[in-house]
Amino acid sequence: MDATADTSITNRPAEQRGRVEDDALVRGLGRYIADAPLPNQAFAFFVRSPHAFARIVSIDASAAANAPGVIAILTAQDMDGVGNIARHPPVPGCGGAKLVLSHRPALARDRVMHIGEAVAMVIAESALAAQDAGEFVDIQYEPLQPVTDARDALKPGAPQLWPDAPGNLAVDWPGPAAEPDANAAEVEKQLPRAEDS
């Protein structure tokens, strides 16, 4: 009997079915993308930022490009014309103000905005070759002081994160609360700031 022939699970009402995928997985019959390789398949590995906020000084991928199995290495310069990866449902702000949706490139160009932001992509003949070559991509950063509290990011003198969102305010959204000011006051009482601890 294979994993697809057991109809005793799928014939039950939806509320009694639970997780239908578990049976095949616990019996070792699960199929994953690695189980179905395609001819000439390539694999990607993203080289990511170790910094919360930093300027990218330089990227040298020459050693990685010469690693075994490497097909290509992409950086932001190779991504010109690729659209914005930032997506957010439109949220109207106070007075009908529109949400500022800053351009977020697929690969960071001049600076990184969070730990783990993709800076380069290594494409190779195997996942292991891509990951190994990724270790040879040399990225030099100038760390900047991150602001980790949204309230501090709105204060005068805070680092400007996005040029099209003055004062780091993307939208002044009152939220779903019936009385946003009373709700904000209650939140302030319940969530102590780090410097108060």
N, C-alpha and C. Protein backbone atom coordinates (compact mmCIF):
# COMPACT_ATOMS: atom_id res chain seq x y z
N MET A 1 0.86 -1.17 0.00
CA MET A 1 0.00 0.00 0.00
C MET A 1 0.90 1.23 0.00
N ASP A 2 0.61 2.20 -0.88
CA ASP A 2 1.40 3.43 -0.86
C ASP A 2 0.66 4.51 -0.09
N ALA A 3 1.31 5.65 0.09
CA ALA A 3 0.75 6.72 0.92
C ALA A 3 -0.52 7.30 0.33
N THR A 4 -0.71 7.21 -0.98
CA THR A 4 -1.88 7.82 -1.60
C THR A 4 -3.08 6.89 -1.62
N ALA A 5 -2.92 5.62 -1.31
CA ALA A 5 -4.03 4.67 -1.40
C ALA A 5 -4.89 4.63 -0.15
N ASP A 6 -4.45 5.18 0.95
CA ASP A 6 -5.20 5.12 2.20
C ASP A 6 -6.25 6.22 2.21
N THR A 7 -7.52 5.86 1.94
CA THR A 7 -8.60 6.84 1.91
C THR A 7 -9.31 6.95 3.24
N SER A 8 -8.92 6.17 4.24
CA SER A 8 -9.59 6.23 5.54
C SER A 8 -9.40 7.60 6.19
N ILE A 9 -8.32 8.29 5.83
CA ILE A 9 -8.08 9.63 6.38
C ILE A 9 -8.87 10.66 5.58
N THR A 10 -8.79 10.61 4.27
CA THR A 10 -9.40 11.64 3.44
C THR A 10 -10.91 11.55 3.37
N ASN A 11 -11.50 10.41 3.71
CA ASN A 11 -12.96 10.27 3.67
C ASN A 11 -13.62 10.79 4.95
N ARG A 12 -12.86 11.15 5.94
CA ARG A 12 -13.43 11.67 7.18
C ARG A 12 -13.84 13.13 6.98
N PRO A 13 -14.79 13.62 7.79
CA PRO A 13 -15.12 15.06 7.72
C PRO A 13 -13.88 15.89 8.03
N ALA A 14 -13.82 17.10 7.47
CA ALA A 14 -12.64 17.96 7.60
C ALA A 14 -12.21 18.17 9.04
N GLU A 15 -13.17 18.36 9.95
CA GLU A 15 -12.80 18.62 11.35
C GLU A 15 -12.17 17.41 12.04
N GLN A 16 -12.28 16.22 11.45
CA GLN A 16 -11.69 15.02 12.04
C GLN A 16 -10.39 14.60 11.36
N ARG A 17 -10.06 15.23 10.26
CA ARG A 17 -8.89 14.80 9.48
C ARG A 17 -7.57 15.14 10.15
N GLY A 18 -7.47 16.30 10.75
CA GLY A 18 -6.19 16.69 11.32
C GLY A 18 -5.15 16.92 10.23
N ARG A 19 -3.94 16.57 10.49
CA ARG A 19 -2.84 16.79 9.54
C ARG A 19 -2.72 15.56 8.65
N VAL A 20 -3.10 15.70 7.40
CA VAL A 20 -3.11 14.55 6.50
C VAL A 20 -1.72 14.19 5.98
N GLU A 21 -0.77 15.09 6.08
CA GLU A 21 0.56 14.81 5.53
C GLU A 21 1.42 13.96 6.46
N ASP A 22 1.08 13.91 7.73
CA ASP A 22 1.94 13.24 8.70
C ASP A 22 2.13 11.75 8.43
N ASP A 23 1.08 11.06 8.04
CA ASP A 23 1.16 9.61 7.86
C ASP A 23 2.28 9.23 6.90
N ALA A 24 2.31 9.85 5.74
CA ALA A 24 3.36 9.53 4.76
C ALA A 24 4.74 9.93 5.27
N LEU A 25 4.82 11.04 5.96
CA LEU A 25 6.12 11.52 6.45
C LEU A 25 6.70 10.62 7.52
N VAL A 26 5.88 10.20 8.47
CA VAL A 26 6.42 9.36 9.55
C VAL A 26 6.75 7.96 9.08
N ARG A 27 6.20 7.55 7.93
CA ARG A 27 6.52 6.23 7.38
C ARG A 27 7.65 6.31 6.35
N GLY A 28 8.26 7.50 6.23
CA GLY A 28 9.38 7.64 5.31
C GLY A 28 8.97 7.72 3.86
N LEU A 29 7.72 8.05 3.58
CA LEU A 29 7.23 8.10 2.20
C LEU A 29 7.05 9.52 1.69
N GLY A 30 7.50 10.51 2.45
CA GLY A 30 7.39 11.90 2.01
C GLY A 30 8.28 12.16 0.81
N ARG A 31 7.85 13.10 -0.04
CA ARG A 31 8.67 13.49 -1.20
C ARG A 31 9.00 14.97 -1.06
N TYR A 32 10.26 15.27 -1.31
CA TYR A 32 10.76 16.63 -1.19
C TYR A 32 11.36 17.03 -2.53
N ILE A 33 11.58 18.31 -2.71
CA ILE A 33 12.13 18.80 -3.97
C ILE A 33 13.48 18.15 -4.26
N ALA A 34 14.25 17.83 -3.23
CA ALA A 34 15.55 17.18 -3.43
C ALA A 34 15.39 15.77 -3.97
N ASP A 35 14.18 15.18 -3.82
CA ASP A 35 13.92 13.84 -4.32
C ASP A 35 13.59 13.82 -5.81
N ALA A 36 13.41 14.99 -6.40
CA ALA A 36 13.00 15.06 -7.81
C ALA A 36 13.87 16.04 -8.58
N PRO A 37 15.18 15.78 -8.66
CA PRO A 37 16.06 16.72 -9.37
C PRO A 37 15.72 16.74 -10.86
N LEU A 38 15.95 17.89 -11.46
CA LEU A 38 15.72 18.08 -12.89
C LEU A 38 17.05 18.18 -13.61
N PRO A 39 17.09 17.84 -14.90
CA PRO A 39 18.34 18.00 -15.65
C PRO A 39 18.78 19.47 -15.65
N ASN A 40 20.07 19.69 -15.52
CA ASN A 40 20.66 21.04 -15.53
C ASN A 40 20.12 21.94 -14.42
N GLN A 41 19.68 21.36 -13.35
CA GLN A 41 19.16 22.14 -12.22
C GLN A 41 20.29 22.90 -11.56
N ALA A 42 20.01 24.14 -11.16
CA ALA A 42 20.98 24.96 -10.45
C ALA A 42 20.44 25.27 -9.06
N PHE A 43 21.35 25.65 -8.17
CA PHE A 43 20.99 25.92 -6.79
C PHE A 43 21.52 27.29 -6.40
N ALA A 44 20.80 27.98 -5.52
CA ALA A 44 21.22 29.31 -5.08
C ALA A 44 21.49 29.32 -3.59
N PHE A 45 22.44 30.14 -3.22
CA PHE A 45 22.76 30.39 -1.81
C PHE A 45 22.89 31.90 -1.65
N PHE A 46 22.20 32.44 -0.65
CA PHE A 46 22.26 33.88 -0.41
C PHE A 46 23.30 34.19 0.66
N VAL A 47 24.17 35.14 0.34
CA VAL A 47 25.14 35.65 1.32
C VAL A 47 24.43 36.80 2.03
N ARG A 48 24.31 36.70 3.35
CA ARG A 48 23.46 37.63 4.10
C ARG A 48 24.28 38.47 5.08
N SER A 49 23.72 39.61 5.40
CA SER A 49 24.38 40.55 6.29
C SER A 49 24.43 40.05 7.73
N PRO A 50 25.60 40.19 8.37
CA PRO A 50 25.67 39.89 9.80
C PRO A 50 25.35 41.11 10.66
N HIS A 51 25.04 42.25 10.01
CA HIS A 51 24.82 43.52 10.72
C HIS A 51 23.36 43.95 10.67
N ALA A 52 22.93 44.61 11.75
CA ALA A 52 21.56 45.14 11.80
C ALA A 52 21.41 46.38 10.94
N PHE A 53 22.48 47.15 10.80
CA PHE A 53 22.43 48.39 10.03
C PHE A 53 23.88 48.71 9.66
N ALA A 54 24.19 48.77 8.38
CA ALA A 54 25.57 49.03 7.96
C ALA A 54 25.60 49.52 6.53
N ARG A 55 26.66 50.26 6.22
CA ARG A 55 26.91 50.67 4.84
C ARG A 55 27.77 49.60 4.19
N ILE A 56 27.43 49.23 2.96
CA ILE A 56 28.25 48.26 2.22
C ILE A 56 29.40 49.04 1.59
N VAL A 57 30.61 48.74 1.99
CA VAL A 57 31.80 49.42 1.49
C VAL A 57 32.24 48.79 0.17
N SER A 58 32.29 47.46 0.13
CA SER A 58 32.72 46.78 -1.10
C SER A 58 32.27 45.33 -1.08
N ILE A 59 32.16 44.78 -2.28
CA ILE A 59 31.86 43.36 -2.44
C ILE A 59 32.86 42.80 -3.44
N ASP A 60 33.61 41.79 -3.01
CA ASP A 60 34.57 41.12 -3.90
C ASP A 60 34.17 39.66 -4.01
N ALA A 61 33.66 39.30 -5.18
CA ALA A 61 33.20 37.93 -5.39
C ALA A 61 34.14 37.15 -6.30
N SER A 62 35.35 37.66 -6.55
CA SER A 62 36.25 37.02 -7.51
C SER A 62 36.68 35.62 -7.04
N ALA A 63 36.99 35.45 -5.76
CA ALA A 63 37.40 34.13 -5.28
C ALA A 63 36.23 33.15 -5.37
N ALA A 64 35.04 33.62 -5.06
CA ALA A 64 33.86 32.75 -5.12
C ALA A 64 33.55 32.35 -6.56
N ALA A 65 33.76 33.27 -7.48
CA ALA A 65 33.46 32.99 -8.89
C ALA A 65 34.33 31.88 -9.44
N ASN A 66 35.52 31.69 -8.87
CA ASN A 66 36.44 30.64 -9.33
C ASN A 66 36.28 29.33 -8.57
N ALA A 67 35.33 29.27 -7.65
CA ALA A 67 35.12 28.04 -6.87
C ALA A 67 34.48 26.97 -7.75
N PRO A 68 34.72 25.71 -7.45
CA PRO A 68 34.16 24.62 -8.27
C PRO A 68 32.63 24.65 -8.31
N GLY A 69 32.09 24.46 -9.50
CA GLY A 69 30.65 24.35 -9.68
C GLY A 69 29.88 25.64 -9.75
N VAL A 70 30.54 26.79 -9.60
CA VAL A 70 29.83 28.07 -9.60
C VAL A 70 29.43 28.44 -11.03
N ILE A 71 28.18 28.82 -11.17
CA ILE A 71 27.65 29.25 -12.47
C ILE A 71 27.64 30.77 -12.56
N ALA A 72 27.21 31.43 -11.50
CA ALA A 72 27.14 32.90 -11.50
C ALA A 72 27.06 33.41 -10.07
N ILE A 73 27.43 34.66 -9.91
CA ILE A 73 27.26 35.35 -8.64
C ILE A 73 26.60 36.68 -8.95
N LEU A 74 25.49 36.94 -8.27
CA LEU A 74 24.74 38.17 -8.51
C LEU A 74 24.84 39.09 -7.30
N THR A 75 24.99 40.38 -7.58
CA THR A 75 24.92 41.42 -6.55
C THR A 75 23.89 42.43 -7.04
N ALA A 76 23.68 43.47 -6.28
CA ALA A 76 22.67 44.48 -6.63
C ALA A 76 22.92 45.08 -8.01
N GLN A 77 24.20 45.21 -8.40
CA GLN A 77 24.51 45.78 -9.71
C GLN A 77 23.94 44.92 -10.85
N ASP A 78 23.76 43.64 -10.60
CA ASP A 78 23.19 42.74 -11.61
C ASP A 78 21.67 42.75 -11.60
N MET A 79 21.09 43.44 -10.64
CA MET A 79 19.64 43.39 -10.45
C MET A 79 18.93 44.65 -10.93
N ASP A 80 19.62 45.52 -11.66
CA ASP A 80 18.96 46.73 -12.17
C ASP A 80 17.74 46.33 -13.00
N GLY A 81 16.65 47.00 -12.76
CA GLY A 81 15.42 46.70 -13.48
C GLY A 81 14.52 45.72 -12.77
N VAL A 82 15.05 45.05 -11.72
CA VAL A 82 14.21 44.15 -10.94
C VAL A 82 13.40 45.02 -9.98
N GLY A 83 12.12 44.79 -9.91
CA GLY A 83 11.23 45.65 -9.14
C GLY A 83 11.41 45.58 -7.64
N ASN A 84 10.52 46.23 -6.97
CA ASN A 84 10.52 46.36 -5.52
C ASN A 84 10.02 45.05 -4.89
N ILE A 85 10.76 44.53 -3.91
CA ILE A 85 10.29 43.31 -3.24
C ILE A 85 9.42 43.63 -2.04
N ALA A 86 9.32 44.90 -1.67
CA ALA A 86 8.47 45.28 -0.54
C ALA A 86 7.01 45.25 -1.01
N ARG A 87 6.21 44.56 -0.26
CA ARG A 87 4.78 44.50 -0.55
C ARG A 87 4.03 44.65 0.76
N HIS A 88 3.02 45.45 0.75
CA HIS A 88 2.20 45.64 1.93
C HIS A 88 0.81 46.01 1.46
N PRO A 89 -0.21 45.47 2.09
CA PRO A 89 -1.55 45.89 1.70
C PRO A 89 -1.71 47.38 1.97
N PRO A 90 -2.43 48.08 1.12
CA PRO A 90 -2.59 49.53 1.35
C PRO A 90 -3.32 49.78 2.66
N VAL A 91 -2.71 50.58 3.50
CA VAL A 91 -3.29 50.93 4.79
C VAL A 91 -3.45 52.44 4.81
N PRO A 92 -4.68 52.94 4.91
CA PRO A 92 -4.84 54.39 4.97
C PRO A 92 -4.40 54.93 6.32
N GLY A 93 -3.70 56.04 6.30
CA GLY A 93 -3.26 56.66 7.54
C GLY A 93 -4.26 57.70 8.01
N CYS A 94 -3.91 58.39 9.06
CA CYS A 94 -4.77 59.44 9.58
C CYS A 94 -5.02 60.48 8.50
N GLY A 95 -6.25 60.92 8.39
CA GLY A 95 -6.59 61.92 7.38
C GLY A 95 -6.47 61.40 5.96
N GLY A 96 -6.43 60.09 5.78
CA GLY A 96 -6.34 59.52 4.44
C GLY A 96 -4.93 59.49 3.87
N ALA A 97 -3.91 59.77 4.69
CA ALA A 97 -2.53 59.75 4.21
C ALA A 97 -2.18 58.37 3.67
N LYS A 98 -1.38 58.34 2.60
CA LYS A 98 -0.99 57.08 1.98
C LYS A 98 0.25 56.50 2.65
N LEU A 99 0.33 55.19 2.67
CA LEU A 99 1.48 54.46 3.20
C LEU A 99 2.69 54.71 2.30
N VAL A 100 3.83 55.05 2.89
CA VAL A 100 5.08 55.18 2.14
C VAL A 100 5.65 53.78 1.97
N LEU A 101 5.78 53.35 0.74
CA LEU A 101 6.32 52.02 0.47
C LEU A 101 7.66 52.20 -0.22
N SER A 102 8.72 52.26 0.57
CA SER A 102 10.06 52.50 0.05
C SER A 102 10.53 51.34 -0.82
N HIS A 103 11.40 51.65 -1.76
CA HIS A 103 11.94 50.60 -2.64
C HIS A 103 12.89 49.71 -1.84
N ARG A 104 12.62 48.41 -1.86
CA ARG A 104 13.50 47.43 -1.24
C ARG A 104 14.03 46.54 -2.34
N PRO A 105 15.32 46.63 -2.63
CA PRO A 105 15.88 45.81 -3.71
C PRO A 105 15.98 44.34 -3.31
N ALA A 106 16.01 43.48 -4.32
CA ALA A 106 16.15 42.04 -4.06
C ALA A 106 17.47 41.73 -3.35
N LEU A 107 18.52 42.44 -3.72
CA LEU A 107 19.82 42.32 -3.05
C LEU A 107 20.24 43.72 -2.62
N ALA A 108 20.73 43.87 -1.39
CA ALA A 108 21.10 45.18 -0.85
C ALA A 108 22.17 45.82 -1.72
N ARG A 109 22.02 47.12 -1.96
CA ARG A 109 22.96 47.83 -2.83
C ARG A 109 23.98 48.63 -2.02
N ASP A 110 23.54 49.63 -1.30
CA ASP A 110 24.46 50.54 -0.61
C ASP A 110 24.54 50.30 0.89
N ARG A 111 23.48 49.71 1.44
CA ARG A 111 23.45 49.49 2.88
C ARG A 111 22.52 48.33 3.19
N VAL A 112 22.71 47.77 4.37
CA VAL A 112 21.83 46.71 4.85
C VAL A 112 21.01 47.29 5.99
N MET A 113 19.76 46.82 6.07
CA MET A 113 18.83 47.38 7.04
C MET A 113 18.48 46.40 8.16
N HIS A 114 18.91 45.16 8.03
CA HIS A 114 18.64 44.19 9.10
C HIS A 114 19.59 43.00 8.97
N ILE A 115 19.78 42.31 10.08
CA ILE A 115 20.59 41.10 10.06
C ILE A 115 19.90 40.10 9.14
N GLY A 116 20.67 39.47 8.28
CA GLY A 116 20.12 38.47 7.38
C GLY A 116 19.66 39.03 6.04
N GLU A 117 19.80 40.33 5.81
CA GLU A 117 19.40 40.87 4.51
C GLU A 117 20.33 40.31 3.44
N ALA A 118 19.76 39.88 2.33
CA ALA A 118 20.55 39.28 1.24
C ALA A 118 21.38 40.35 0.54
N VAL A 119 22.68 40.05 0.38
CA VAL A 119 23.61 40.99 -0.27
C VAL A 119 24.12 40.43 -1.59
N ALA A 120 24.31 39.12 -1.66
CA ALA A 120 24.77 38.47 -2.89
C ALA A 120 24.10 37.11 -3.00
N MET A 121 24.02 36.63 -4.24
CA MET A 121 23.44 35.31 -4.48
C MET A 121 24.42 34.50 -5.33
N VAL A 122 24.80 33.35 -4.83
CA VAL A 122 25.70 32.45 -5.54
C VAL A 122 24.84 31.36 -6.18
N ILE A 123 25.02 31.16 -7.48
CA ILE A 123 24.30 30.10 -8.20
C ILE A 123 25.33 29.07 -8.62
N ALA A 124 25.04 27.80 -8.29
CA ALA A 124 26.02 26.74 -8.57
C ALA A 124 25.30 25.46 -8.97
N GLU A 125 26.12 24.47 -9.34
CA GLU A 125 25.59 23.18 -9.83
C GLU A 125 25.02 22.32 -8.71
N SER A 126 25.37 22.62 -7.47
CA SER A 126 24.81 21.88 -6.33
C SER A 126 24.61 22.86 -5.18
N ALA A 127 23.74 22.49 -4.25
CA ALA A 127 23.50 23.34 -3.09
C ALA A 127 24.78 23.50 -2.27
N LEU A 128 25.53 22.41 -2.13
CA LEU A 128 26.77 22.46 -1.36
C LEU A 128 27.81 23.37 -2.03
N ALA A 129 27.93 23.28 -3.35
CA ALA A 129 28.88 24.14 -4.06
C ALA A 129 28.50 25.61 -3.91
N ALA A 130 27.20 25.91 -3.96
CA ALA A 130 26.75 27.30 -3.81
C ALA A 130 27.08 27.81 -2.41
N GLN A 131 26.81 26.99 -1.40
CA GLN A 131 27.09 27.39 -0.03
C GLN A 131 28.59 27.54 0.21
N ASP A 132 29.38 26.60 -0.29
CA ASP A 132 30.83 26.69 -0.13
C ASP A 132 31.38 27.96 -0.78
N ALA A 133 30.93 28.26 -1.98
CA ALA A 133 31.41 29.45 -2.68
C ALA A 133 30.95 30.72 -1.97
N GLY A 134 29.77 30.67 -1.36
CA GLY A 134 29.28 31.83 -0.62
C GLY A 134 30.23 32.25 0.49
N GLU A 135 30.96 31.29 1.04
CA GLU A 135 31.94 31.60 2.09
C GLU A 135 33.10 32.46 1.56
N PHE A 136 33.30 32.46 0.24
CA PHE A 136 34.40 33.21 -0.35
C PHE A 136 34.00 34.60 -0.83
N VAL A 137 32.71 34.95 -0.74
CA VAL A 137 32.28 36.30 -1.10
C VAL A 137 32.71 37.23 0.03
N ASP A 138 33.57 38.18 -0.29
CA ASP A 138 34.14 39.09 0.71
C ASP A 138 33.37 40.41 0.67
N ILE A 139 32.59 40.66 1.71
CA ILE A 139 31.82 41.90 1.80
C ILE A 139 32.36 42.70 2.97
N GLN A 140 32.75 43.94 2.67
CA GLN A 140 33.24 44.84 3.71
C GLN A 140 32.10 45.79 4.09
N TYR A 141 31.87 45.93 5.39
CA TYR A 141 30.80 46.77 5.89
C TYR A 141 31.36 47.87 6.79
N GLU A 142 30.65 48.97 6.84
CA GLU A 142 30.89 50.00 7.85
C GLU A 142 29.66 49.98 8.76
N PRO A 143 29.77 49.35 9.93
CA PRO A 143 28.59 49.26 10.81
C PRO A 143 28.09 50.64 11.21
N LEU A 144 26.78 50.79 11.24
CA LEU A 144 26.12 52.01 11.66
C LEU A 144 25.33 51.70 12.93
N GLN A 145 24.97 52.73 13.66
CA GLN A 145 24.23 52.53 14.91
C GLN A 145 22.77 52.23 14.59
N PRO A 146 22.31 51.01 14.89
CA PRO A 146 20.90 50.70 14.62
C PRO A 146 19.98 51.31 15.67
N VAL A 147 18.77 51.57 15.28
CA VAL A 147 17.73 52.01 16.20
C VAL A 147 16.76 50.85 16.31
N THR A 148 16.64 50.28 17.49
CA THR A 148 15.85 49.07 17.65
C THR A 148 14.48 49.30 18.29
N ASP A 149 14.17 50.52 18.62
CA ASP A 149 12.87 50.84 19.20
C ASP A 149 12.17 51.82 18.26
N ALA A 150 10.97 51.47 17.82
CA ALA A 150 10.24 52.31 16.87
C ALA A 150 10.02 53.72 17.42
N ARG A 151 9.83 53.84 18.73
CA ARG A 151 9.63 55.18 19.31
C ARG A 151 10.89 56.03 19.17
N ASP A 152 12.05 55.40 19.34
CA ASP A 152 13.30 56.14 19.19
C ASP A 152 13.55 56.51 17.73
N ALA A 153 13.10 55.67 16.80
CA ALA A 153 13.29 55.95 15.37
C ALA A 153 12.50 57.18 14.93
N LEU A 154 11.46 57.53 15.67
CA LEU A 154 10.65 58.71 15.32
C LEU A 154 11.17 60.00 15.94
N LYS A 155 12.15 59.90 16.84
CA LYS A 155 12.66 61.09 17.52
C LYS A 155 13.54 61.92 16.60
N PRO A 156 13.57 63.24 16.81
CA PRO A 156 14.48 64.09 16.03
C PRO A 156 15.92 63.63 16.22
N GLY A 157 16.68 63.61 15.15
CA GLY A 157 18.08 63.21 15.20
C GLY A 157 18.31 61.72 15.01
N ALA A 158 17.23 60.93 14.94
CA ALA A 158 17.40 59.49 14.69
C ALA A 158 17.89 59.30 13.26
N PRO A 159 18.68 58.25 12.99
CA PRO A 159 19.15 58.01 11.62
C PRO A 159 17.96 57.88 10.66
N GLN A 160 18.04 58.59 9.54
CA GLN A 160 16.98 58.52 8.53
C GLN A 160 17.14 57.21 7.76
N LEU A 161 16.13 56.33 7.83
CA LEU A 161 16.23 55.02 7.21
C LEU A 161 15.88 55.05 5.73
N TRP A 162 14.79 55.67 5.38
CA TRP A 162 14.34 55.72 3.99
C TRP A 162 14.12 57.18 3.60
N PRO A 163 14.74 57.65 2.51
CA PRO A 163 14.61 59.07 2.14
C PRO A 163 13.17 59.49 1.85
N ASP A 164 12.34 58.57 1.40
CA ASP A 164 10.97 58.94 1.05
C ASP A 164 10.01 58.83 2.24
N ALA A 165 10.52 58.54 3.44
CA ALA A 165 9.69 58.49 4.65
C ALA A 165 10.31 59.42 5.69
N PRO A 166 10.10 60.74 5.53
CA PRO A 166 10.71 61.70 6.46
C PRO A 166 10.38 61.38 7.91
N GLY A 167 11.40 61.49 8.76
CA GLY A 167 11.23 61.20 10.17
C GLY A 167 10.96 59.74 10.46
N ASN A 168 11.23 58.88 9.47
CA ASN A 168 11.04 57.43 9.59
C ASN A 168 9.58 57.03 9.82
N LEU A 169 8.66 57.85 9.35
CA LEU A 169 7.24 57.56 9.51
C LEU A 169 6.67 57.14 8.16
N ALA A 170 6.33 55.85 8.05
CA ALA A 170 5.76 55.34 6.80
C ALA A 170 4.27 55.63 6.71
N VAL A 171 3.58 55.54 7.83
CA VAL A 171 2.15 55.88 7.88
C VAL A 171 1.77 56.10 9.34
N ASP A 172 0.94 57.10 9.57
CA ASP A 172 0.40 57.35 10.90
C ASP A 172 -0.95 56.65 10.94
N TRP A 173 -0.91 55.38 11.34
CA TRP A 173 -2.10 54.52 11.31
C TRP A 173 -2.67 54.40 12.71
N PRO A 174 -3.94 54.73 12.88
CA PRO A 174 -4.51 54.66 14.22
C PRO A 174 -4.74 53.23 14.70
N GLY A 175 -4.72 52.26 13.80
CA GLY A 175 -4.94 50.87 14.17
C GLY A 175 -6.41 50.56 14.28
N PRO A 176 -6.69 49.32 14.65
CA PRO A 176 -8.10 48.91 14.70
C PRO A 176 -8.83 49.34 15.97
N ALA A 177 -8.12 49.93 16.92
CA ALA A 177 -8.75 50.31 18.19
C ALA A 177 -9.76 51.43 17.96
N ALA A 178 -10.88 51.35 18.69
CA ALA A 178 -11.91 52.39 18.58
C ALA A 178 -11.38 53.73 19.07
N GLU A 179 -10.55 53.70 20.13
CA GLU A 179 -9.96 54.93 20.67
C GLU A 179 -8.44 54.76 20.68
N PRO A 180 -7.77 55.11 19.56
CA PRO A 180 -6.33 54.83 19.45
C PRO A 180 -5.47 55.49 20.53
N ASP A 181 -5.80 56.71 20.93
CA ASP A 181 -4.97 57.39 21.94
C ASP A 181 -5.06 56.68 23.29
N ALA A 182 -6.27 56.27 23.68
CA ALA A 182 -6.44 55.54 24.94
C ALA A 182 -5.74 54.19 24.86
N ASN A 183 -5.82 53.54 23.70
CA ASN A 183 -5.16 52.25 23.50
C ASN A 183 -3.64 52.41 23.62
N ALA A 184 -3.08 53.45 23.00
CA ALA A 184 -1.63 53.70 23.07
C ALA A 184 -1.19 53.97 24.50
N ALA A 185 -1.98 54.72 25.26
CA ALA A 185 -1.63 55.00 26.66
C ALA A 185 -1.61 53.72 27.48
N GLU A 186 -2.55 52.82 27.22
CA GLU A 186 -2.59 51.54 27.93
C GLU A 186 -1.38 50.68 27.59
N VAL A 187 -0.99 50.67 26.31
CA VAL A 187 0.18 49.90 25.88
C VAL A 187 1.43 50.45 26.56
N GLU A 188 1.56 51.77 26.62
CA GLU A 188 2.73 52.38 27.26
C GLU A 188 2.84 51.95 28.73
N LYS A 189 1.71 51.78 29.40
CA LYS A 189 1.73 51.36 30.81
C LYS A 189 2.18 49.91 30.96
N GLN A 190 1.83 49.07 29.98
CA GLN A 190 2.08 47.64 30.11
C GLN A 190 3.44 47.21 29.56
N LEU A 191 4.02 47.96 28.65
CA LEU A 191 5.29 47.57 28.03
C LEU A 191 6.39 48.52 28.46
N PRO A 192 7.19 48.12 29.44
CA PRO A 192 8.28 49.01 29.88
C PRO A 192 9.36 49.11 28.81
N ARG A 193 9.97 50.26 28.72
CA ARG A 193 11.07 50.48 27.79
C ARG A 193 12.33 49.81 28.35
N ALA A 194 13.24 49.46 27.49
CA ALA A 194 14.47 48.75 27.89
C ALA A 194 15.25 49.55 28.93
N GLU A 195 15.33 50.88 28.76
CA GLU A 195 16.13 51.67 29.70
C GLU A 195 15.45 51.80 31.07
N ASP A 196 14.14 51.46 31.16
CA ASP A 196 13.45 51.48 32.43
C ASP A 196 13.65 50.20 33.22
N SER A 197 14.18 49.16 32.58
CA SER A 197 14.33 47.86 33.25
C SER A 197 15.60 47.81 34.06
